[in-house]
Amino acid sequence: TQAALLAGFPSYESLRRVFARELSMSPTVYQRRFGTAHRADAG
């Protein structure tokens, strides 16, 4: 939810809908398939 708000979406549901429409998969499926990206705060 915080990531959605930081990205400018009013809610996680809004982010999820756009994500699914653009990538044809939910954020959860994307994360399972591709894993976590290199995070700026990692390390």
Protein backbone atom coordinates (compact mmCIF):
# COMPACT_ATOMS: atom_id res chain seq x y z
CA THR A 1 0.00 0.00 0.00
CA GLN A 2 2.79 2.43 0.83
CA ALA A 3 4.45 1.79 -2.54
CA ALA A 4 1.18 2.55 -4.32
CA LEU A 5 0.79 5.82 -2.45
CA LEU A 6 4.41 6.81 -3.06
CA ALA A 7 3.92 6.10 -6.76
CA GLY A 8 0.97 8.49 -6.85
CA PHE A 9 -1.90 6.02 -6.78
CA PRO A 10 -4.80 6.70 -4.41
CA SER A 11 -4.86 3.06 -3.27
CA TYR A 12 -3.25 -0.34 -3.77
CA GLU A 13 -6.33 -1.44 -5.70
CA SER A 14 -5.76 1.36 -8.22
CA LEU A 15 -2.13 0.31 -8.66
CA ARG A 16 -3.14 -3.34 -9.02
CA ARG A 17 -5.69 -2.56 -11.75
CA VAL A 18 -3.23 -0.50 -13.81
CA PHE A 19 -0.44 -3.03 -13.26
CA ALA A 20 -2.67 -5.91 -14.39
CA ARG A 21 -3.93 -3.99 -17.42
CA GLU A 22 -0.44 -2.98 -18.58
CA LEU A 23 1.47 -6.18 -17.77
CA SER A 24 -1.34 -8.76 -17.99
CA MET A 25 -0.53 -10.04 -14.50
CA SER A 26 -1.00 -8.94 -10.93
CA PRO A 27 1.85 -7.49 -8.87
CA THR A 28 1.88 -10.74 -6.85
CA VAL A 29 2.30 -12.90 -9.96
CA TYR A 30 5.01 -10.53 -11.24
CA GLN A 31 6.92 -10.79 -7.97
CA ARG A 32 6.66 -14.59 -7.94
CA ARG A 33 7.84 -14.80 -11.53
CA PHE A 34 10.66 -12.27 -11.45
CA GLY A 35 11.51 -12.03 -7.75
CA THR A 36 12.34 -8.82 -6.01
CA ALA A 37 14.20 -6.21 -7.99
CA HIS A 38 17.42 -4.65 -6.81
CA ARG A 39 16.22 -2.27 -4.16
CA ALA A 40 17.85 1.09 -3.66
CA ASP A 41 18.06 0.47 0.09
CA ALA A 42 19.45 -3.07 -0.18
CA GLY A 43 22.92 -3.84 0.98
